[in-house]
N, C-alpha and C. Protein backbone atom coordinates (compact mmCIF):
# COMPACT_ATOMS: atom_id res chain seq x y z
N UNK A 1 88.76 84.64 130.17
CA UNK A 1 88.85 84.81 128.74
C UNK A 1 88.04 86.02 128.28
N UNK A 2 86.90 86.23 128.90
CA UNK A 2 86.07 87.38 128.54
C UNK A 2 86.80 88.68 128.84
N UNK A 3 87.60 88.68 129.92
CA UNK A 3 88.38 89.88 130.24
C UNK A 3 89.39 90.20 129.15
N UNK A 4 89.97 89.15 128.57
CA UNK A 4 90.92 89.36 127.49
C UNK A 4 90.24 90.03 126.30
N UNK A 5 89.08 89.53 125.91
CA UNK A 5 88.38 90.10 124.76
C UNK A 5 87.81 91.49 125.07
N UNK A 6 87.49 91.75 126.33
CA UNK A 6 86.97 93.07 126.71
C UNK A 6 88.08 94.12 126.70
N UNK A 7 89.33 93.69 126.87
CA UNK A 7 90.50 94.58 126.85
C UNK A 7 90.31 95.77 127.79
N UNK A 8 89.86 95.50 128.98
CA UNK A 8 89.71 96.56 129.97
C UNK A 8 88.66 97.59 129.57
N UNK A 9 87.68 97.17 128.80
CA UNK A 9 86.62 98.08 128.37
C UNK A 9 86.88 98.72 127.02
N UNK A 10 88.05 98.49 126.47
CA UNK A 10 88.40 99.09 125.18
C UNK A 10 88.31 98.10 124.03
N UNK A 11 87.78 96.93 124.28
CA UNK A 11 87.68 95.90 123.25
C UNK A 11 86.88 96.34 122.04
N UNK A 12 85.89 97.20 122.25
CA UNK A 12 85.07 97.71 121.15
C UNK A 12 85.86 98.57 120.18
N UNK A 13 86.99 99.09 120.64
CA UNK A 13 87.86 99.89 119.77
C UNK A 13 89.05 99.08 119.26
N UNK A 14 89.56 98.21 120.13
CA UNK A 14 90.77 97.46 119.80
C UNK A 14 90.51 96.41 118.74
N UNK A 15 89.48 95.58 118.92
CA UNK A 15 89.24 94.48 117.98
C UNK A 15 88.91 94.95 116.57
N UNK A 16 88.06 95.97 116.40
CA UNK A 16 87.84 96.45 115.03
C UNK A 16 89.14 97.00 114.40
N UNK A 17 89.98 97.63 115.20
CA UNK A 17 91.25 98.13 114.67
C UNK A 17 92.12 96.97 114.20
N UNK A 18 92.16 95.89 114.98
CA UNK A 18 92.92 94.70 114.57
C UNK A 18 92.34 94.10 113.28
N UNK A 19 91.03 94.00 113.22
CA UNK A 19 90.36 93.41 112.06
C UNK A 19 90.62 94.25 110.81
N UNK A 20 90.52 95.57 110.93
CA UNK A 20 90.77 96.45 109.79
C UNK A 20 92.22 96.33 109.35
N UNK A 21 93.14 96.27 110.31
CA UNK A 21 94.56 96.15 109.97
C UNK A 21 94.84 94.86 109.22
N UNK A 22 94.30 93.75 109.70
CA UNK A 22 94.50 92.46 109.04
C UNK A 22 93.87 92.48 107.64
N UNK A 23 92.69 93.06 107.52
CA UNK A 23 92.02 93.12 106.21
C UNK A 23 92.84 93.94 105.22
N UNK A 24 93.40 95.06 105.66
CA UNK A 24 94.22 95.89 104.78
C UNK A 24 95.48 95.16 104.38
N UNK A 25 96.12 94.46 105.31
CA UNK A 25 97.33 93.70 104.98
C UNK A 25 97.03 92.58 103.99
N UNK A 26 95.92 91.90 104.17
CA UNK A 26 95.53 90.84 103.24
C UNK A 26 95.24 91.43 101.86
N UNK A 27 94.51 92.55 101.83
CA UNK A 27 94.18 93.18 100.55
C UNK A 27 95.46 93.65 99.84
N UNK A 28 96.40 94.21 100.58
CA UNK A 28 97.65 94.67 99.98
C UNK A 28 98.43 93.49 99.41
N UNK A 29 98.42 92.38 100.12
CA UNK A 29 99.12 91.19 99.63
C UNK A 29 98.48 90.66 98.36
N UNK A 30 97.16 90.58 98.34
CA UNK A 30 96.45 90.08 97.16
C UNK A 30 96.69 90.99 95.96
N UNK A 31 96.58 92.30 96.15
CA UNK A 31 96.79 93.24 95.06
C UNK A 31 98.22 93.14 94.54
N UNK A 32 99.19 93.01 95.44
CA UNK A 32 100.59 92.90 95.03
C UNK A 32 100.83 91.62 94.24
N UNK A 33 100.26 90.51 94.70
CA UNK A 33 100.42 89.26 93.98
C UNK A 33 99.78 89.30 92.61
N UNK A 34 98.62 89.93 92.51
CA UNK A 34 97.96 90.06 91.21
C UNK A 34 98.80 90.91 90.26
N UNK A 35 99.36 92.01 90.76
CA UNK A 35 100.20 92.86 89.91
C UNK A 35 101.45 92.10 89.48
N UNK A 36 102.00 91.32 90.38
CA UNK A 36 103.19 90.52 90.05
C UNK A 36 102.87 89.51 88.95
N UNK A 37 101.75 88.85 89.06
CA UNK A 37 101.36 87.86 88.05
C UNK A 37 101.09 88.52 86.70
N UNK A 38 100.45 89.71 86.71
CA UNK A 38 100.22 90.44 85.45
C UNK A 38 101.55 90.82 84.81
N UNK A 39 102.49 91.27 85.62
CA UNK A 39 103.80 91.66 85.09
C UNK A 39 104.53 90.44 84.51
N UNK A 40 104.45 89.31 85.21
CA UNK A 40 105.10 88.10 84.70
C UNK A 40 104.50 87.67 83.37
N UNK A 41 103.16 87.73 83.26
CA UNK A 41 102.51 87.37 82.00
C UNK A 41 102.91 88.34 80.89
N UNK A 42 103.01 89.61 81.22
CA UNK A 42 103.41 90.61 80.23
C UNK A 42 104.83 90.35 79.75
N UNK A 43 105.74 90.07 80.65
CA UNK A 43 107.12 89.77 80.28
C UNK A 43 107.17 88.50 79.44
N UNK A 44 106.40 87.51 79.84
CA UNK A 44 106.39 86.25 79.08
C UNK A 44 105.89 86.48 77.66
N UNK A 45 104.82 87.29 77.51
CA UNK A 45 104.31 87.61 76.19
C UNK A 45 105.36 88.34 75.35
N UNK A 46 106.05 89.29 75.96
CA UNK A 46 107.08 90.03 75.24
C UNK A 46 108.22 89.11 74.82
N UNK A 47 108.61 88.21 75.70
CA UNK A 47 109.68 87.26 75.36
C UNK A 47 109.23 86.32 74.24
N UNK A 48 107.99 85.87 74.31
CA UNK A 48 107.46 84.98 73.27
C UNK A 48 107.41 85.71 71.92
N UNK A 49 106.96 86.96 71.94
CA UNK A 49 106.88 87.73 70.70
C UNK A 49 108.25 87.96 70.09
N UNK A 50 109.23 88.26 70.90
CA UNK A 50 110.56 88.52 70.36
C UNK A 50 111.19 87.23 69.84
N UNK A 51 110.85 86.09 70.42
CA UNK A 51 111.37 84.81 69.95
C UNK A 51 110.78 84.40 68.63
N UNK A 52 109.53 84.76 68.36
CA UNK A 52 108.87 84.41 67.11
C UNK A 52 109.45 85.16 65.93
N UNK A 53 109.99 86.36 66.18
CA UNK A 53 110.55 87.18 65.10
C UNK A 53 111.99 86.81 64.79
N UNK A 54 112.54 85.87 65.52
CA UNK A 54 113.90 85.45 65.27
C UNK A 54 114.94 86.40 65.82
N UNK A 55 114.51 87.34 66.63
CA UNK A 55 115.44 88.30 67.20
C UNK A 55 116.13 87.70 68.41
N UNK A 56 117.39 88.02 68.55
CA UNK A 56 118.15 87.53 69.69
C UNK A 56 118.63 88.72 70.48
N UNK A 57 118.52 88.64 71.79
CA UNK A 57 118.91 89.73 72.67
C UNK A 57 120.21 89.41 73.38
N UNK A 58 121.15 88.72 72.74
CA UNK A 58 122.40 88.36 73.40
C UNK A 58 123.46 89.40 73.22
């Protein structure tokens, strides 16, 4: 098992690269989900505002 983690002596380079890659992918997912939720709230607010004025978009 130690040989697997050592990666033939390159484990010191490989594992940090994996960790950075996973961290960036997680951060990108979180940022995307937050932007999606902000956009949904914005659309909902716009729809609510247009409904209060009695305007119909049909």
